[in-house]
Amino acid sequence: MKIGQVKWFNDAKGYGFIVADGEDTDVFVHFSQIVMDGFRTLKEGMRVQFEPQQHDRGVMALQVQVLDDAINAIN
């Protein structure tokens, strides 16, 4: 698992990008991979944990979990 920060996420389209700590490559994230109850979304700057997986179009984030301190920061 890696930890990173949400670069941006579009609620209407259901996808966005994460940047892993210490790296500069964008990691694609789809709403279906966000692990949370209710409406699955991310906000710019949120800290997340995820499993990166290489695909033919780049790296995709799987099993994306928002870290507790990030949830508290937006509430």
PDB file of N, CA and C in Angstrom:
ATOM      1  N   MET A   1       0.842  -1.184   0.000  1.00  0.00           N
ATOM      2  CA  MET A   1       0.000   0.000   0.000  1.00  0.00           C
ATOM      3  C   MET A   1       0.883   1.242   0.000  1.00  0.00           C
ATOM      4  N   LYS A   2       0.392   2.268  -0.674  1.00  0.00           N
ATOM      5  CA  LYS A   2       1.088   3.554  -0.701  1.00  0.00           C
ATOM      6  C   LYS A   2       0.188   4.616  -0.090  1.00  0.00           C
ATOM      7  N   ILE A   3       0.798   5.706   0.312  1.00  0.00           N
ATOM      8  CA  ILE A   3       0.063   6.851   0.843  1.00  0.00           C
ATOM      9  C   ILE A   3       0.340   8.031  -0.080  1.00  0.00           C
ATOM     10  N   GLY A   4      -0.699   8.823  -0.308  1.00  0.00           N
ATOM     11  CA  GLY A   4      -0.541   9.976  -1.182  1.00  0.00           C
ATOM     12  C   GLY A   4      -1.607  11.015  -0.921  1.00  0.00           C
ATOM     13  N   GLN A   5      -1.715  11.935  -1.862  1.00  0.00           N
ATOM     14  CA  GLN A   5      -2.639  13.057  -1.736  1.00  0.00           C
ATOM     15  C   GLN A   5      -3.454  13.177  -3.019  1.00  0.00           C
ATOM     16  N   VAL A   6      -4.732  13.507  -2.865  1.00  0.00           N
ATOM     17  CA  VAL A   6      -5.604  13.692  -4.018  1.00  0.00           C
ATOM     18  C   VAL A   6      -5.205  14.978  -4.738  1.00  0.00           C
ATOM     19  N   LYS A   7      -4.885  14.853  -6.018  1.00  0.00           N
ATOM     20  CA  LYS A   7      -4.527  16.013  -6.843  1.00  0.00           C
ATOM     21  C   LYS A   7      -5.806  16.727  -7.278  1.00  0.00           C
ATOM     22  N   TRP A   8      -6.766  15.962  -7.790  1.00  0.00           N
ATOM     23  CA  TRP A   8      -8.098  16.473  -8.111  1.00  0.00           C
ATOM     24  C   TRP A   8      -9.036  15.297  -8.314  1.00  0.00           C
ATOM     25  N   PHE A   9     -10.333  15.553  -8.152  1.00  0.00           N
ATOM     26  CA  PHE A   9     -11.357  14.523  -8.344  1.00  0.00           C
ATOM     27  C   PHE A   9     -12.622  15.207  -8.830  1.00  0.00           C
ATOM     28  N   ASN A  10     -13.206  14.685  -9.915  1.00  0.00           N
ATOM     29  CA  ASN A  10     -14.420  15.239 -10.505  1.00  0.00           C
ATOM     30  C   ASN A  10     -15.603  14.365 -10.105  1.00  0.00           C
ATOM     31  N   ASP A  11     -16.490  14.879  -9.246  1.00  0.00           N
ATOM     32  CA  ASP A  11     -17.656  14.114  -8.790  1.00  0.00           C
ATOM     33  C   ASP A  11     -18.558  13.709  -9.947  1.00  0.00           C
ATOM     34  N   ALA A  12     -18.778  14.608 -10.889  1.00  0.00           N
ATOM     35  CA  ALA A  12     -19.695  14.346 -12.004  1.00  0.00           C
ATOM     36  C   ALA A  12     -19.192  13.219 -12.902  1.00  0.00           C
ATOM     37  N   LYS A  13     -17.885  13.161 -13.108  1.00  0.00           N
ATOM     38  CA  LYS A  13     -17.312  12.123 -13.966  1.00  0.00           C
ATOM     39  C   LYS A  13     -16.894  10.884 -13.189  1.00  0.00           C
ATOM     40  N   GLY A  14     -16.704  11.029 -11.875  1.00  0.00           N
ATOM     41  CA  GLY A  14     -16.376   9.881 -11.039  1.00  0.00           C
ATOM     42  C   GLY A  14     -14.934   9.426 -11.086  1.00  0.00           C
ATOM     43  N   TYR A  15     -14.039  10.321 -11.452  1.00  0.00           N
ATOM     44  CA  TYR A  15     -12.627   9.951 -11.441  1.00  0.00           C
ATOM     45  C   TYR A  15     -11.745  11.160 -11.160  1.00  0.00           C
ATOM     46  N   GLY A  16     -10.475  10.860 -10.913  1.00  0.00           N
ATOM     47  CA  GLY A  16      -9.508  11.912 -10.647  1.00  0.00           C
ATOM     48  C   GLY A  16      -8.116  11.318 -10.562  1.00  0.00           C
ATOM     49  N   PHE A  17      -7.215  12.036  -9.895  1.00  0.00           N
ATOM     50  CA  PHE A  17      -5.834  11.583  -9.799  1.00  0.00           C
ATOM     51  C   PHE A  17      -5.266  11.814  -8.403  1.00  0.00           C
ATOM     52  N   ILE A  18      -4.384  10.904  -8.019  1.00  0.00           N
ATOM     53  CA  ILE A  18      -3.664  10.923  -6.748  1.00  0.00           C
ATOM     54  C   ILE A  18      -2.181  11.019  -7.085  1.00  0.00           C
ATOM     55  N   VAL A  19      -1.407  11.656  -6.215  1.00  0.00           N
ATOM     56  CA  VAL A  19       0.049  11.647  -6.325  1.00  0.00           C
ATOM     57  C   VAL A  19       0.577  10.979  -5.061  1.00  0.00           C
ATOM     58  N   ALA A  20       1.332   9.888  -5.241  1.00  0.00           N
ATOM     59  CA  ALA A  20       1.903   9.172  -4.102  1.00  0.00           C
ATOM     60  C   ALA A  20       3.031   9.987  -3.482  1.00  0.00           C
ATOM     61  N   ASP A  21       3.178   9.891  -2.169  1.00  0.00           N
ATOM     62  CA  ASP A  21       4.259  10.580  -1.460  1.00  0.00           C
ATOM     63  C   ASP A  21       5.610  10.195  -2.062  1.00  0.00           C
ATOM     64  N   GLY A  22       6.439  11.191  -2.322  1.00  0.00           N
ATOM     65  CA  GLY A  22       7.781  10.950  -2.827  1.00  0.00           C
ATOM     66  C   GLY A  22       7.852  10.642  -4.311  1.00  0.00           C
ATOM     67  N   GLU A  23       6.736  10.729  -5.014  1.00  0.00           N
ATOM     68  CA  GLU A  23       6.698  10.445  -6.451  1.00  0.00           C
ATOM     69  C   GLU A  23       6.043  11.616  -7.171  1.00  0.00           C
ATOM     70  N   ASP A  24       6.253  11.691  -8.481  1.00  0.00           N
ATOM     71  CA  ASP A  24       5.630  12.777  -9.239  1.00  0.00           C
ATOM     72  C   ASP A  24       4.695  12.269 -10.336  1.00  0.00           C
ATOM     73  N   THR A  25       4.427  10.973 -10.360  1.00  0.00           N
ATOM     74  CA  THR A  25       3.546  10.380 -11.357  1.00  0.00           C
ATOM     75  C   THR A  25       2.101  10.425 -10.878  1.00  0.00           C
ATOM     76  N   ASP A  26       1.192  10.852 -11.753  1.00  0.00           N
ATOM     77  CA  ASP A  26      -0.231  10.847 -11.427  1.00  0.00           C
ATOM     78  C   ASP A  26      -0.764   9.420 -11.448  1.00  0.00           C
ATOM     79  N   VAL A  27      -1.586   9.092 -10.455  1.00  0.00           N
ATOM     80  CA  VAL A  27      -2.209   7.774 -10.352  1.00  0.00           C
ATOM     81  C   VAL A  27      -3.711   7.961 -10.533  1.00  0.00           C
ATOM     82  N   PHE A  28      -4.278   7.304 -11.540  1.00  0.00           N
ATOM     83  CA  PHE A  28      -5.704   7.404 -11.840  1.00  0.00           C
ATOM     84  C   PHE A  28      -6.523   6.752 -10.729  1.00  0.00           C
ATOM     85  N   VAL A  29      -7.633   7.389 -10.340  1.00  0.00           N
ATOM     86  CA  VAL A  29      -8.535   6.794  -9.350  1.00  0.00           C
ATOM     87  C   VAL A  29      -9.972   6.922  -9.856  1.00  0.00           C
ATOM     88  N   HIS A  30     -10.690   5.797  -9.836  1.00  0.00           N
ATOM     89  CA  HIS A  30     -12.107   5.747 -10.223  1.00  0.00           C
ATOM     90  C   HIS A  30     -12.929   5.597  -8.951  1.00  0.00           C
ATOM     91  N   PHE A  31     -14.124   6.207  -8.945  1.00  0.00           N
ATOM     92  CA  PHE A  31     -14.954   6.182  -7.732  1.00  0.00           C
ATOM     93  C   PHE A  31     -15.242   4.766  -7.249  1.00  0.00           C
ATOM     94  N   SER A  32     -15.279   3.794  -8.146  1.00  0.00           N
ATOM     95  CA  SER A  32     -15.590   2.410  -7.759  1.00  0.00           C
ATOM     96  C   SER A  32     -14.518   1.803  -6.861  1.00  0.00           C
ATOM     97  N   GLN A  33     -13.332   2.417  -6.812  1.00  0.00           N
ATOM     98  CA  GLN A  33     -12.235   1.907  -5.988  1.00  0.00           C
ATOM     99  C   GLN A  33     -12.115   2.617  -4.642  1.00  0.00           C
ATOM    100  N   ILE A  34     -13.022   3.567  -4.372  1.00  0.00           N
ATOM    101  CA  ILE A  34     -12.998   4.290  -3.099  1.00  0.00           C
ATOM    102  C   ILE A  34     -13.761   3.478  -2.063  1.00  0.00           C
ATOM    103  N   VAL A  35     -13.110   3.165  -0.960  1.00  0.00           N
ATOM    104  CA  VAL A  35     -13.706   2.357   0.102  1.00  0.00           C
ATOM    105  C   VAL A  35     -14.284   3.300   1.158  1.00  0.00           C
ATOM    106  N   MET A  36     -15.610   3.513   1.094  1.00  0.00           N
ATOM    107  CA  MET A  36     -16.305   4.328   2.101  1.00  0.00           C
ATOM    108  C   MET A  36     -17.799   4.098   1.954  1.00  0.00           C
ATOM    109  N   ASP A  37     -18.541   4.420   2.999  1.00  0.00           N
ATOM    110  CA  ASP A  37     -19.996   4.325   2.962  1.00  0.00           C
ATOM    111  C   ASP A  37     -20.562   5.547   2.256  1.00  0.00           C
ATOM    112  N   GLY A  38     -21.751   5.384   1.687  1.00  0.00           N
ATOM    113  CA  GLY A  38     -22.431   6.519   1.070  1.00  0.00           C
ATOM    114  C   GLY A  38     -21.824   6.904  -0.266  1.00  0.00           C
ATOM    115  N   PHE A  39     -21.935   8.184  -0.594  1.00  0.00           N
ATOM    116  CA  PHE A  39     -21.437   8.721  -1.857  1.00  0.00           C
ATOM    117  C   PHE A  39     -19.918   8.690  -1.859  1.00  0.00           C
ATOM    118  N   ARG A  40     -19.348   7.949  -2.784  1.00  0.00           N
ATOM    119  CA  ARG A  40     -17.896   7.786  -2.842  1.00  0.00           C
ATOM    120  C   ARG A  40     -17.260   8.921  -3.642  1.00  0.00           C
ATOM    121  N   THR A  41     -16.567   9.777  -2.931  1.00  0.00           N
ATOM    122  CA  THR A  41     -15.902  10.914  -3.555  1.00  0.00           C
ATOM    123  C   THR A  41     -14.627  11.250  -2.801  1.00  0.00           C
ATOM    124  N   LEU A  42     -13.793  12.045  -3.430  1.00  0.00           N
ATOM    125  CA  LEU A  42     -12.559  12.528  -2.819  1.00  0.00           C
ATOM    126  C   LEU A  42     -12.486  14.029  -3.032  1.00  0.00           C
ATOM    127  N   LYS A  43     -11.767  14.702  -2.171  1.00  0.00           N
ATOM    128  CA  LYS A  43     -11.571  16.146  -2.275  1.00  0.00           C
ATOM    129  C   LYS A  43     -10.082  16.438  -2.451  1.00  0.00           C
ATOM    130  N   GLU A  44      -9.785  17.473  -3.204  1.00  0.00           N
ATOM    131  CA  GLU A  44      -8.406  17.884  -3.421  1.00  0.00           C
ATOM    132  C   GLU A  44      -7.690  18.061  -2.084  1.00  0.00           C
ATOM    133  N   GLY A  45      -6.495  17.483  -1.991  1.00  0.00           N
ATOM    134  CA  GLY A  45      -5.691  17.615  -0.785  1.00  0.00           C
ATOM    135  C   GLY A  45      -5.891  16.513   0.237  1.00  0.00           C
ATOM    136  N   MET A  46      -6.930  15.693   0.080  1.00  0.00           N
ATOM    137  CA  MET A  46      -7.155  14.591   1.029  1.00  0.00           C
ATOM    138  C   MET A  46      -5.971  13.634   1.017  1.00  0.00           C
ATOM    139  N   ARG A  47      -5.638  13.116   2.189  1.00  0.00           N
ATOM    140  CA  ARG A  47      -4.605  12.087   2.316  1.00  0.00           C
ATOM    141  C   ARG A  47      -5.286  10.731   2.199  1.00  0.00           C
ATOM    142  N   VAL A  48      -4.735   9.873   1.349  1.00  0.00           N
ATOM    143  CA  VAL A  48      -5.329   8.565   1.097  1.00  0.00           C
ATOM    144  C   VAL A  48      -4.267   7.473   1.093  1.00  0.00           C
ATOM    145  N   GLN A  49      -4.740   6.266   1.324  1.00  0.00           N
ATOM    146  CA  GLN A  49      -3.912   5.065   1.222  1.00  0.00           C
ATOM    147  C   GLN A  49      -4.494   4.261   0.075  1.00  0.00           C
ATOM    148  N   PHE A  50      -3.647   3.655  -0.755  1.00  0.00           N
ATOM    149  CA  PHE A  50      -4.142   2.922  -1.918  1.00  0.00           C
ATOM    150  C   PHE A  50      -3.138   1.872  -2.380  1.00  0.00           C
ATOM    151  N   GLU A  51      -3.633   0.955  -3.187  1.00  0.00           N
ATOM    152  CA  GLU A  51      -2.803  -0.086  -3.786  1.00  0.00           C
ATOM    153  C   GLU A  51      -2.621   0.262  -5.264  1.00  0.00           C
ATOM    154  N   PRO A  52      -1.401   0.608  -5.691  1.00  0.00           N
ATOM    155  CA  PRO A  52      -1.194   0.944  -7.103  1.00  0.00           C
ATOM    156  C   PRO A  52      -1.146  -0.318  -7.964  1.00  0.00           C
ATOM    157  N   GLN A  53      -1.709  -0.226  -9.159  1.00  0.00           N
ATOM    158  CA  GLN A  53      -1.666  -1.353 -10.089  1.00  0.00           C
ATOM    159  C   GLN A  53      -1.373  -0.812 -11.485  1.00  0.00           C
ATOM    160  N   GLN A  54      -0.372  -1.394 -12.129  1.00  0.00           N
ATOM    161  CA  GLN A  54       0.022  -0.968 -13.471  1.00  0.00           C
ATOM    162  C   GLN A  54      -0.979  -1.479 -14.502  1.00  0.00           C
ATOM    163  N   HIS A  55      -1.413  -0.594 -15.385  1.00  0.00           N
ATOM    164  CA  HIS A  55      -2.301  -0.940 -16.494  1.00  0.00           C
ATOM    165  C   HIS A  55      -1.661  -0.442 -17.778  1.00  0.00           C
ATOM    166  N   ASP A  56      -2.225  -0.819 -18.910  1.00  0.00           N
ATOM    167  CA  ASP A  56      -1.662  -0.401 -20.192  1.00  0.00           C
ATOM    168  C   ASP A  56      -1.695   1.116 -20.380  1.00  0.00           C
ATOM    169  N   ARG A  57      -2.592   1.814 -19.687  1.00  0.00           N
ATOM    170  CA  ARG A  57      -2.702   3.267 -19.819  1.00  0.00           C
ATOM    171  C   ARG A  57      -2.035   4.020 -18.661  1.00  0.00           C
ATOM    172  N   GLY A  58      -1.354   3.308 -17.782  1.00  0.00           N
ATOM    173  CA  GLY A  58      -0.691   3.950 -16.649  1.00  0.00           C
ATOM    174  C   GLY A  58      -0.994   3.234 -15.351  1.00  0.00           C
ATOM    175  N   VAL A  59      -0.835   3.937 -14.247  1.00  0.00           N
ATOM    176  CA  VAL A  59      -1.056   3.348 -12.925  1.00  0.00           C
ATOM    177  C   VAL A  59      -2.449   3.730 -12.427  1.00  0.00           C
ATOM    178  N   MET A  60      -3.155   2.733 -11.859  1.00  0.00           N
ATOM    179  CA  MET A  60      -4.494   2.950 -11.305  1.00  0.00           C
ATOM    180  C   MET A  60      -4.464   2.637  -9.813  1.00  0.00           C
ATOM    181  N   ALA A  61      -5.193   3.425  -9.038  1.00  0.00           N
ATOM    182  CA  ALA A  61      -5.282   3.209  -7.593  1.00  0.00           C
ATOM    183  C   ALA A  61      -6.438   2.263  -7.287  1.00  0.00           C
ATOM    184  N   LEU A  62      -6.154   1.224  -6.516  1.00  0.00           N
ATOM    185  CA  LEU A  62      -7.171   0.275  -6.073  1.00  0.00           C
ATOM    186  C   LEU A  62      -7.321   0.385  -4.563  1.00  0.00           C
ATOM    187  N   GLN A  63      -8.486   0.011  -4.049  1.00  0.00           N
ATOM    188  CA  GLN A  63      -8.752  -0.025  -2.603  1.00  0.00           C
ATOM    189  C   GLN A  63      -8.363   1.293  -1.922  1.00  0.00           C
ATOM    190  N   VAL A  64      -8.864   2.393  -2.444  1.00  0.00           N
ATOM    191  CA  VAL A  64      -8.521   3.724  -1.936  1.00  0.00           C
ATOM    192  C   VAL A  64      -9.261   3.989  -0.630  1.00  0.00           C
ATOM    193  N   GLN A  65      -8.508   4.302   0.414  1.00  0.00           N
ATOM    194  CA  GLN A  65      -9.086   4.595   1.724  1.00  0.00           C
ATOM    195  C   GLN A  65      -8.621   5.971   2.186  1.00  0.00           C
ATOM    196  N   VAL A  66      -9.581   6.794   2.595  1.00  0.00           N
ATOM    197  CA  VAL A  66      -9.253   8.114   3.133  1.00  0.00           C
ATOM    198  C   VAL A  66      -8.692   7.923   4.534  1.00  0.00           C
ATOM    199  N   LEU A  67      -7.583   8.575   4.820  1.00  0.00           N
ATOM    200  CA  LEU A  67      -6.990   8.487   6.153  1.00  0.00           C
ATOM    201  C   LEU A  67      -7.792   9.341   7.127  1.00  0.00           C
ATOM    202  N   ASP A  68      -7.890   8.913   8.372  1.00  0.00           N
ATOM    203  CA  ASP A  68      -8.735   9.559   9.383  1.00  0.00           C
ATOM    204  C   ASP A  68      -8.486  11.051   9.522  1.00  0.00           C
ATOM    205  N   ASP A  69      -7.217  11.469   9.517  1.00  0.00           N
ATOM    206  CA  ASP A  69      -6.929  12.889   9.702  1.00  0.00           C
ATOM    207  C   ASP A  69      -7.475  13.728   8.551  1.00  0.00           C
ATOM    208  N   ALA A  70      -7.578  13.136   7.363  1.00  0.00           N
ATOM    209  CA  ALA A  70      -8.135  13.858   6.212  1.00  0.00           C
ATOM    210  C   ALA A  70      -9.641  14.034   6.362  1.00  0.00           C
ATOM    211  N   ILE A  71     -10.320  13.040   6.913  1.00  0.00           N
ATOM    212  CA  ILE A  71     -11.765  13.143   7.127  1.00  0.00           C
ATOM    213  C   ILE A  71     -12.048  14.262   8.121  1.00  0.00           C
ATOM    214  N   ASN A  72     -11.292  14.306   9.194  1.00  0.00           N
ATOM    215  CA  ASN A  72     -11.492  15.334  10.209  1.00  0.00           C
ATOM    216  C   ASN A  72     -11.208  16.733   9.667  1.00  0.00           C
ATOM    217  N   ALA A  73     -10.293  16.842   8.730  1.00  0.00           N
ATOM    218  CA  ALA A  73      -9.920  18.145   8.187  1.00  0.00           C
ATOM    219  C   ALA A  73     -11.033  18.774   7.361  1.00  0.00           C
ATOM    220  N   ILE A  74     -11.899  17.957   6.743  1.00  0.00           N
ATOM    221  CA  ILE A  74     -12.953  18.527   5.899  1.00  0.00           C
ATOM    222  C   ILE A  74     -14.268  18.679   6.635  1.00  0.00           C
ATOM    223  N   ASN A  75     -14.387  18.117   7.822  1.00  0.00           N
ATOM    224  CA  ASN A  75     -15.642  18.224   8.591  1.00  0.00           C
ATOM    225  C   ASN A  75     -15.677  19.484   9.407  1.00  0.00           C
TER     226      ASN A  75
END
